[in-house]
Amino acid sequence: MTKDRFLALTLAERAKWLYFNGQLVTSIRYYRHKVNLYMLDKVYVEVFYNHRQDKVDQIELLDISSKRMNFYADQIKLPGDLAL
């Protein structure tokens, strides 16, 4: 599946696609969310889970310019093209 096709899916469809095709890499806490980082077809995808509301707020492709990259870099060895 291409990035554009993935982004065109609904939130529920993205969650289902990740469940069956993605691989959980790590999780971080980020403000009010637990953010799960998945690998999906050589692309990183973030799932933002709001534990207070017990729901997934968003599922997005990883933004490598995000400050969250520092949290991931502390936990896993990122590929060279994503390393800080």
PDB file of N, CA and C in Angstrom:
ATOM      1  N   MET A   1       0.846  -1.175   0.000  1.00  0.00           N
ATOM      2  CA  MET A   1       0.000   0.000   0.000  1.00  0.00           C
ATOM      3  C   MET A   1       0.893   1.240   0.000  1.00  0.00           C
ATOM      4  N   THR A   2       0.523   2.212  -0.797  1.00  0.00           N
ATOM      5  CA  THR A   2       1.298   3.453  -0.866  1.00  0.00           C
ATOM      6  C   THR A   2       0.957   4.354   0.324  1.00  0.00           C
ATOM      7  N   LYS A   3       1.825   5.332   0.564  1.00  0.00           N
ATOM      8  CA  LYS A   3       1.573   6.298   1.640  1.00  0.00           C
ATOM      9  C   LYS A   3       0.265   7.036   1.399  1.00  0.00           C
ATOM     10  N   ASP A   4       0.045   7.464   0.175  1.00  0.00           N
ATOM     11  CA  ASP A   4      -1.176   8.212  -0.146  1.00  0.00           C
ATOM     12  C   ASP A   4      -2.433   7.376   0.082  1.00  0.00           C
ATOM     13  N   ARG A   5      -2.380   6.115  -0.299  1.00  0.00           N
ATOM     14  CA  ARG A   5      -3.548   5.243  -0.091  1.00  0.00           C
ATOM     15  C   ARG A   5      -3.790   5.024   1.395  1.00  0.00           C
ATOM     16  N   PHE A   6      -2.702   4.858   2.164  1.00  0.00           N
ATOM     17  CA  PHE A   6      -2.840   4.684   3.612  1.00  0.00           C
ATOM     18  C   PHE A   6      -3.470   5.923   4.236  1.00  0.00           C
ATOM     19  N   LEU A   7      -2.993   7.092   3.851  1.00  0.00           N
ATOM     20  CA  LEU A   7      -3.516   8.336   4.410  1.00  0.00           C
ATOM     21  C   LEU A   7      -4.964   8.600   4.002  1.00  0.00           C
ATOM     22  N   ALA A   8      -5.406   8.003   2.898  1.00  0.00           N
ATOM     23  CA  ALA A   8      -6.787   8.172   2.447  1.00  0.00           C
ATOM     24  C   ALA A   8      -7.767   7.298   3.234  1.00  0.00           C
ATOM     25  N   LEU A   9      -7.250   6.327   3.983  1.00  0.00           N
ATOM     26  CA  LEU A   9      -8.104   5.447   4.778  1.00  0.00           C
ATOM     27  C   LEU A   9      -8.693   6.198   5.970  1.00  0.00           C
ATOM     28  N   THR A  10      -9.813   5.707   6.466  1.00  0.00           N
ATOM     29  CA  THR A  10     -10.374   6.254   7.703  1.00  0.00           C
ATOM     30  C   THR A  10      -9.498   5.824   8.875  1.00  0.00           C
ATOM     31  N   LEU A  11      -9.722   6.425  10.017  1.00  0.00           N
ATOM     32  CA  LEU A  11      -8.964   6.068  11.213  1.00  0.00           C
ATOM     33  C   LEU A  11      -9.132   4.583  11.539  1.00  0.00           C
ATOM     34  N   ALA A  12     -10.351   4.091  11.461  1.00  0.00           N
ATOM     35  CA  ALA A  12     -10.618   2.675  11.745  1.00  0.00           C
ATOM     36  C   ALA A  12      -9.919   1.767  10.736  1.00  0.00           C
ATOM     37  N   GLU A  13      -9.917   2.160   9.470  1.00  0.00           N
ATOM     38  CA  GLU A  13      -9.248   1.356   8.439  1.00  0.00           C
ATOM     39  C   GLU A  13      -7.733   1.362   8.633  1.00  0.00           C
ATOM     40  N   ARG A  14      -7.178   2.509   9.024  1.00  0.00           N
ATOM     41  CA  ARG A  14      -5.733   2.578   9.295  1.00  0.00           C
ATOM     42  C   ARG A  14      -5.367   1.653  10.452  1.00  0.00           C
ATOM     43  N   ALA A  15      -6.185   1.686  11.503  1.00  0.00           N
ATOM     44  CA  ALA A  15      -5.927   0.837  12.669  1.00  0.00           C
ATOM     45  C   ALA A  15      -5.961  -0.641  12.283  1.00  0.00           C
ATOM     46  N   LYS A  16      -6.947  -1.020  11.505  1.00  0.00           N
ATOM     47  CA  LYS A  16      -7.064  -2.417  11.075  1.00  0.00           C
ATOM     48  C   LYS A  16      -5.878  -2.812  10.201  1.00  0.00           C
ATOM     49  N   TRP A  17      -5.486  -1.945   9.275  1.00  0.00           N
ATOM     50  CA  TRP A  17      -4.366  -2.239   8.385  1.00  0.00           C
ATOM     51  C   TRP A  17      -3.073  -2.417   9.191  1.00  0.00           C
ATOM     52  N   LEU A  18      -2.851  -1.528  10.173  1.00  0.00           N
ATOM     53  CA  LEU A  18      -1.665  -1.645  11.025  1.00  0.00           C
ATOM     54  C   LEU A  18      -1.688  -2.926  11.840  1.00  0.00           C
ATOM     55  N   TYR A  19      -2.856  -3.266  12.376  1.00  0.00           N
ATOM     56  CA  TYR A  19      -2.981  -4.459  13.204  1.00  0.00           C
ATOM     57  C   TYR A  19      -2.553  -5.710  12.434  1.00  0.00           C
ATOM     58  N   PHE A  20      -2.969  -5.812  11.193  1.00  0.00           N
ATOM     59  CA  PHE A  20      -2.674  -7.003  10.406  1.00  0.00           C
ATOM     60  C   PHE A  20      -1.350  -6.935   9.652  1.00  0.00           C
ATOM     61  N   ASN A  21      -0.835  -5.744   9.378  1.00  0.00           N
ATOM     62  CA  ASN A  21       0.342  -5.626   8.518  1.00  0.00           C
ATOM     63  C   ASN A  21       1.532  -4.913   9.150  1.00  0.00           C
ATOM     64  N   GLY A  22       1.335  -4.259  10.274  1.00  0.00           N
ATOM     65  CA  GLY A  22       2.410  -3.492  10.896  1.00  0.00           C
ATOM     66  C   GLY A  22       3.141  -4.272  11.970  1.00  0.00           C
ATOM     67  N   GLN A  23       4.291  -3.744  12.338  1.00  0.00           N
ATOM     68  CA  GLN A  23       5.088  -4.335  13.408  1.00  0.00           C
ATOM     69  C   GLN A  23       5.383  -3.240  14.432  1.00  0.00           C
ATOM     70  N   LEU A  24       4.985  -3.465  15.687  1.00  0.00           N
ATOM     71  CA  LEU A  24       5.239  -2.497  16.751  1.00  0.00           C
ATOM     72  C   LEU A  24       6.737  -2.397  16.999  1.00  0.00           C
ATOM     73  N   VAL A  25       7.258  -1.167  16.983  1.00  0.00           N
ATOM     74  CA  VAL A  25       8.687  -0.927  17.199  1.00  0.00           C
ATOM     75  C   VAL A  25       8.941  -0.510  18.640  1.00  0.00           C
ATOM     76  N   THR A  26       8.223   0.491  19.111  1.00  0.00           N
ATOM     77  CA  THR A  26       8.382   0.984  20.481  1.00  0.00           C
ATOM     78  C   THR A  26       7.212   1.889  20.829  1.00  0.00           C
ATOM     79  N   SER A  27       7.156   2.294  22.081  1.00  0.00           N
ATOM     80  CA  SER A  27       6.123   3.213  22.557  1.00  0.00           C
ATOM     81  C   SER A  27       6.769   4.302  23.397  1.00  0.00           C
ATOM     82  N   ILE A  28       6.181   5.484  23.349  1.00  0.00           N
ATOM     83  CA  ILE A  28       6.631   6.596  24.177  1.00  0.00           C
ATOM     84  C   ILE A  28       5.415   7.276  24.789  1.00  0.00           C
ATOM     85  N   ARG A  29       5.662   8.058  25.823  1.00  0.00           N
ATOM     86  CA  ARG A  29       4.635   8.941  26.379  1.00  0.00           C
ATOM     87  C   ARG A  29       4.894  10.324  25.821  1.00  0.00           C
ATOM     88  N   TYR A  30       3.860  10.969  25.334  1.00  0.00           N
ATOM     89  CA  TYR A  30       4.000  12.302  24.755  1.00  0.00           C
ATOM     90  C   TYR A  30       2.773  13.115  25.125  1.00  0.00           C
ATOM     91  N   TYR A  31       2.943  14.012  26.082  1.00  0.00           N
ATOM     92  CA  TYR A  31       1.841  14.791  26.636  1.00  0.00           C
ATOM     93  C   TYR A  31       0.741  13.851  27.102  1.00  0.00           C
ATOM     94  N   ARG A  32      -0.467  13.987  26.598  1.00  0.00           N
ATOM     95  CA  ARG A  32      -1.561  13.145  27.103  1.00  0.00           C
ATOM     96  C   ARG A  32      -1.712  11.833  26.331  1.00  0.00           C
ATOM     97  N   HIS A  33      -0.761  11.526  25.487  1.00  0.00           N
ATOM     98  CA  HIS A  33      -0.862  10.330  24.651  1.00  0.00           C
ATOM     99  C   HIS A  33       0.222   9.299  24.956  1.00  0.00           C
ATOM    100  N   LYS A  34      -0.132   8.069  24.719  1.00  0.00           N
ATOM    101  CA  LYS A  34       0.851   7.012  24.543  1.00  0.00           C
ATOM    102  C   LYS A  34       0.971   6.883  23.033  1.00  0.00           C
ATOM    103  N   VAL A  35       2.176   7.034  22.520  1.00  0.00           N
ATOM    104  CA  VAL A  35       2.376   6.985  21.075  1.00  0.00           C
ATOM    105  C   VAL A  35       3.101   5.690  20.738  1.00  0.00           C
ATOM    106  N   ASN A  36       2.450   4.842  19.971  1.00  0.00           N
ATOM    107  CA  ASN A  36       3.055   3.601  19.506  1.00  0.00           C
ATOM    108  C   ASN A  36       3.647   3.842  18.129  1.00  0.00           C
ATOM    109  N   LEU A  37       4.896   3.447  17.967  1.00  0.00           N
ATOM    110  CA  LEU A  37       5.574   3.577  16.681  1.00  0.00           C
ATOM    111  C   LEU A  37       5.580   2.214  16.002  1.00  0.00           C
ATOM    112  N   TYR A  38       5.039   2.170  14.802  1.00  0.00           N
ATOM    113  CA  TYR A  38       4.963   0.942  14.018  1.00  0.00           C
ATOM    114  C   TYR A  38       5.806   1.072  12.756  1.00  0.00           C
ATOM    115  N   MET A  39       6.279  -0.079  12.273  1.00  0.00           N
ATOM    116  CA  MET A  39       6.913  -0.161  10.963  1.00  0.00           C
ATOM    117  C   MET A  39       5.890  -0.810  10.043  1.00  0.00           C
ATOM    118  N   LEU A  40       5.614  -0.138   8.931  1.00  0.00           N
ATOM    119  CA  LEU A  40       4.643  -0.631   7.961  1.00  0.00           C
ATOM    120  C   LEU A  40       5.240  -0.457   6.580  1.00  0.00           C
ATOM    121  N   ASP A  41       5.619  -1.558   5.954  1.00  0.00           N
ATOM    122  CA  ASP A  41       6.202  -1.502   4.607  1.00  0.00           C
ATOM    123  C   ASP A  41       7.343  -0.490   4.516  1.00  0.00           C
ATOM    124  N   LYS A  42       8.275  -0.549   5.460  1.00  0.00           N
ATOM    125  CA  LYS A  42       9.465   0.318   5.496  1.00  0.00           C
ATOM    126  C   LYS A  42       9.138   1.785   5.761  1.00  0.00           C
ATOM    127  N   VAL A  43       7.958   2.043   6.300  1.00  0.00           N
ATOM    128  CA  VAL A  43       7.533   3.395   6.663  1.00  0.00           C
ATOM    129  C   VAL A  43       7.135   3.363   8.140  1.00  0.00           C
ATOM    130  N   TYR A  44       7.545   4.392   8.884  1.00  0.00           N
ATOM    131  CA  TYR A  44       7.161   4.488  10.290  1.00  0.00           C
ATOM    132  C   TYR A  44       5.813   5.197  10.418  1.00  0.00           C
ATOM    133  N   VAL A  45       4.958   4.627  11.269  1.00  0.00           N
ATOM    134  CA  VAL A  45       3.619   5.161  11.499  1.00  0.00           C
ATOM    135  C   VAL A  45       3.426   5.319  13.006  1.00  0.00           C
ATOM    136  N   GLU A  46       2.851   6.457  13.418  1.00  0.00           N
ATOM    137  CA  GLU A  46       2.585   6.712  14.829  1.00  0.00           C
ATOM    138  C   GLU A  46       1.094   6.578  15.115  1.00  0.00           C
ATOM    139  N   VAL A  47       0.791   5.921  16.226  1.00  0.00           N
ATOM    140  CA  VAL A  47      -0.581   5.786  16.701  1.00  0.00           C
ATOM    141  C   VAL A  47      -0.668   6.530  18.033  1.00  0.00           C
ATOM    142  N   PHE A  48      -1.513   7.551  18.090  1.00  0.00           N
ATOM    143  CA  PHE A  48      -1.671   8.390  19.277  1.00  0.00           C
ATOM    144  C   PHE A  48      -2.881   7.904  20.069  1.00  0.00           C
ATOM    145  N   TYR A  49      -2.601   7.261  21.201  1.00  0.00           N
ATOM    146  CA  TYR A  49      -3.660   6.715  22.048  1.00  0.00           C
ATOM    147  C   TYR A  49      -3.856   7.613  23.262  1.00  0.00           C
ATOM    148  N   ASN A  50      -5.075   8.071  23.467  1.00  0.00           N
ATOM    149  CA  ASN A  50      -5.436   8.907  24.606  1.00  0.00           C
ATOM    150  C   ASN A  50      -6.021   7.991  25.675  1.00  0.00           C
ATOM    151  N   HIS A  51      -5.227   7.698  26.709  1.00  0.00           N
ATOM    152  CA  HIS A  51      -5.671   6.726  27.711  1.00  0.00           C
ATOM    153  C   HIS A  51      -6.801   7.267  28.579  1.00  0.00           C
ATOM    154  N   ARG A  52      -6.888   8.570  28.763  1.00  0.00           N
ATOM    155  CA  ARG A  52      -7.977   9.138  29.578  1.00  0.00           C
ATOM    156  C   ARG A  52      -9.331   8.961  28.902  1.00  0.00           C
ATOM    157  N   GLN A  53      -9.342   9.070  27.600  1.00  0.00           N
ATOM    158  CA  GLN A  53     -10.592   8.897  26.852  1.00  0.00           C
ATOM    159  C   GLN A  53     -10.724   7.492  26.273  1.00  0.00           C
ATOM    160  N   ASP A  54      -9.675   6.672  26.455  1.00  0.00           N
ATOM    161  CA  ASP A  54      -9.658   5.293  25.962  1.00  0.00           C
ATOM    162  C   ASP A  54      -9.986   5.222  24.473  1.00  0.00           C
ATOM    163  N   LYS A  55      -9.227   6.021  23.697  1.00  0.00           N
ATOM    164  CA  LYS A  55      -9.448   6.005  22.248  1.00  0.00           C
ATOM    165  C   LYS A  55      -8.180   6.424  21.510  1.00  0.00           C
ATOM    166  N   VAL A  56      -8.120   6.018  20.268  1.00  0.00           N
ATOM    167  CA  VAL A  56      -7.039   6.444  19.384  1.00  0.00           C
ATOM    168  C   VAL A  56      -7.461   7.772  18.770  1.00  0.00           C
ATOM    169  N   ASP A  57      -6.635   8.805  18.982  1.00  0.00           N
ATOM    170  CA  ASP A  57      -6.948  10.132  18.451  1.00  0.00           C
ATOM    171  C   ASP A  57      -6.505  10.298  17.006  1.00  0.00           C
ATOM    172  N   GLN A  58      -5.357   9.715  16.673  1.00  0.00           N
ATOM    173  CA  GLN A  58      -4.880   9.841  15.290  1.00  0.00           C
ATOM    174  C   GLN A  58      -3.862   8.760  14.975  1.00  0.00           C
ATOM    175  N   ILE A  59      -3.742   8.476  13.700  1.00  0.00           N
ATOM    176  CA  ILE A  59      -2.735   7.563  13.165  1.00  0.00           C
ATOM    177  C   ILE A  59      -2.118   8.279  11.977  1.00  0.00           C
ATOM    178  N   GLU A  60      -0.829   8.575  12.081  1.00  0.00           N
ATOM    179  CA  GLU A  60      -0.155   9.385  11.067  1.00  0.00           C
ATOM    180  C   GLU A  60       1.209   8.806  10.724  1.00  0.00           C
ATOM    181  N   LEU A  61       1.713   9.171   9.556  1.00  0.00           N
ATOM    182  CA  LEU A  61       3.088   8.839   9.201  1.00  0.00           C
ATOM    183  C   LEU A  61       4.019   9.628  10.104  1.00  0.00           C
ATOM    184  N   LEU A  62       5.154   9.049  10.455  1.00  0.00           N
ATOM    185  CA  LEU A  62       6.122   9.711  11.322  1.00  0.00           C
ATOM    186  C   LEU A  62       6.663  10.967  10.653  1.00  0.00           C
ATOM    187  N   ASP A  63       6.607  12.066  11.377  1.00  0.00           N
ATOM    188  CA  ASP A  63       7.183  13.337  10.929  1.00  0.00           C
ATOM    189  C   ASP A  63       8.594  13.406  11.501  1.00  0.00           C
ATOM    190  N   ILE A  64       9.607  13.231  10.656  1.00  0.00           N
ATOM    191  CA  ILE A  64      10.981  13.159  11.165  1.00  0.00           C
ATOM    192  C   ILE A  64      11.491  14.495  11.683  1.00  0.00           C
ATOM    193  N   SER A  65      10.761  15.578  11.457  1.00  0.00           N
ATOM    194  CA  SER A  65      11.165  16.870  12.010  1.00  0.00           C
ATOM    195  C   SER A  65      10.536  17.112  13.387  1.00  0.00           C
ATOM    196  N   SER A  66       9.754  16.160  13.864  1.00  0.00           N
ATOM    197  CA  SER A  66       9.069  16.293  15.147  1.00  0.00           C
ATOM    198  C   SER A  66      10.039  16.152  16.313  1.00  0.00           C
ATOM    199  N   LYS A  67       9.726  16.815  17.408  1.00  0.00           N
ATOM    200  CA  LYS A  67      10.521  16.694  18.630  1.00  0.00           C
ATOM    201  C   LYS A  67      10.436  15.284  19.209  1.00  0.00           C
ATOM    202  N   ARG A  68       9.419  14.533  18.836  1.00  0.00           N
ATOM    203  CA  ARG A  68       9.285  13.153  19.323  1.00  0.00           C
ATOM    204  C   ARG A  68      10.434  12.279  18.861  1.00  0.00           C
ATOM    205  N   MET A  69      11.103  12.667  17.804  1.00  0.00           N
ATOM    206  CA  MET A  69      12.237  11.881  17.302  1.00  0.00           C
ATOM    207  C   MET A  69      13.285  11.673  18.394  1.00  0.00           C
ATOM    208  N   ASN A  70      13.473  12.653  19.264  1.00  0.00           N
ATOM    209  CA  ASN A  70      14.440  12.515  20.356  1.00  0.00           C
ATOM    210  C   ASN A  70      14.049  11.386  21.303  1.00  0.00           C
ATOM    211  N   PHE A  71      12.767  11.239  21.568  1.00  0.00           N
ATOM    212  CA  PHE A  71      12.302  10.163  22.443  1.00  0.00           C
ATOM    213  C   PHE A  71      12.542   8.797  21.796  1.00  0.00           C
ATOM    214  N   TYR A  72      12.270   8.693  20.515  1.00  0.00           N
ATOM    215  CA  TYR A  72      12.500   7.431  19.816  1.00  0.00           C
ATOM    216  C   TYR A  72      13.986   7.111  19.738  1.00  0.00           C
ATOM    217  N   ALA A  73      14.799   8.109  19.472  1.00  0.00           N
ATOM    218  CA  ALA A  73      16.242   7.901  19.329  1.00  0.00           C
ATOM    219  C   ALA A  73      16.856   7.383  20.624  1.00  0.00           C
ATOM    220  N   ASP A  74      16.275   7.745  21.757  1.00  0.00           N
ATOM    221  CA  ASP A  74      16.765   7.259  23.045  1.00  0.00           C
ATOM    222  C   ASP A  74      16.457   5.783  23.265  1.00  0.00           C
ATOM    223  N   GLN A  75      15.467   5.250  22.575  1.00  0.00           N
ATOM    224  CA  GLN A  75      15.014   3.885  22.823  1.00  0.00           C
ATOM    225  C   GLN A  75      15.452   2.868  21.777  1.00  0.00           C
ATOM    226  N   ILE A  76      15.603   3.314  20.549  1.00  0.00           N
ATOM    227  CA  ILE A  76      15.916   2.373  19.472  1.00  0.00           C
ATOM    228  C   ILE A  76      17.005   2.949  18.584  1.00  0.00           C
ATOM    229  N   LYS A  77      17.626   2.077  17.833  1.00  0.00           N
ATOM    230  CA  LYS A  77      18.596   2.530  16.847  1.00  0.00           C
ATOM    231  C   LYS A  77      17.838   2.805  15.553  1.00  0.00           C
ATOM    232  N   LEU A  78      17.790   4.085  15.192  1.00  0.00           N
ATOM    233  CA  LEU A  78      17.079   4.476  13.977  1.00  0.00           C
ATOM    234  C   LEU A  78      17.961   4.259  12.759  1.00  0.00           C
ATOM    235  N   PRO A  79      17.361   3.964  11.621  1.00  0.00           N
ATOM    236  CA  PRO A  79      18.141   3.837  10.388  1.00  0.00           C
ATOM    237  C   PRO A  79      18.896   5.126  10.095  1.00  0.00           C
ATOM    238  N   GLY A  80      19.966   5.028   9.340  1.00  0.00           N
ATOM    239  CA  GLY A  80      20.823   6.167   9.037  1.00  0.00           C
ATOM    240  C   GLY A  80      20.096   7.365   8.479  1.00  0.00           C
ATOM    241  N   ASP A  81      19.071   7.146   7.667  1.00  0.00           N
ATOM    242  CA  ASP A  81      18.358   8.277   7.071  1.00  0.00           C
ATOM    243  C   ASP A  81      17.417   8.966   8.054  1.00  0.00           C
ATOM    244  N   LEU A  82      17.229   8.384   9.242  1.00  0.00           N
ATOM    245  CA  LEU A  82      16.391   9.006  10.263  1.00  0.00           C
ATOM    246  C   LEU A  82      17.181   9.409  11.500  1.00  0.00           C
ATOM    247  N   ALA A  83      18.437   9.004  11.570  1.00  0.00           N
ATOM    248  CA  ALA A  83      19.238   9.280  12.767  1.00  0.00           C
ATOM    249  C   ALA A  83      19.403  10.777  12.970  1.00  0.00           C
ATOM    250  N   LEU A  84      19.456  11.161  14.241  1.00  0.00           N
ATOM    251  CA  LEU A  84      19.599  12.577  14.583  1.00  0.00           C
ATOM    252  C   LEU A  84      21.050  12.975  14.628  1.00  0.00           C
TER     253      LEU A  84
END
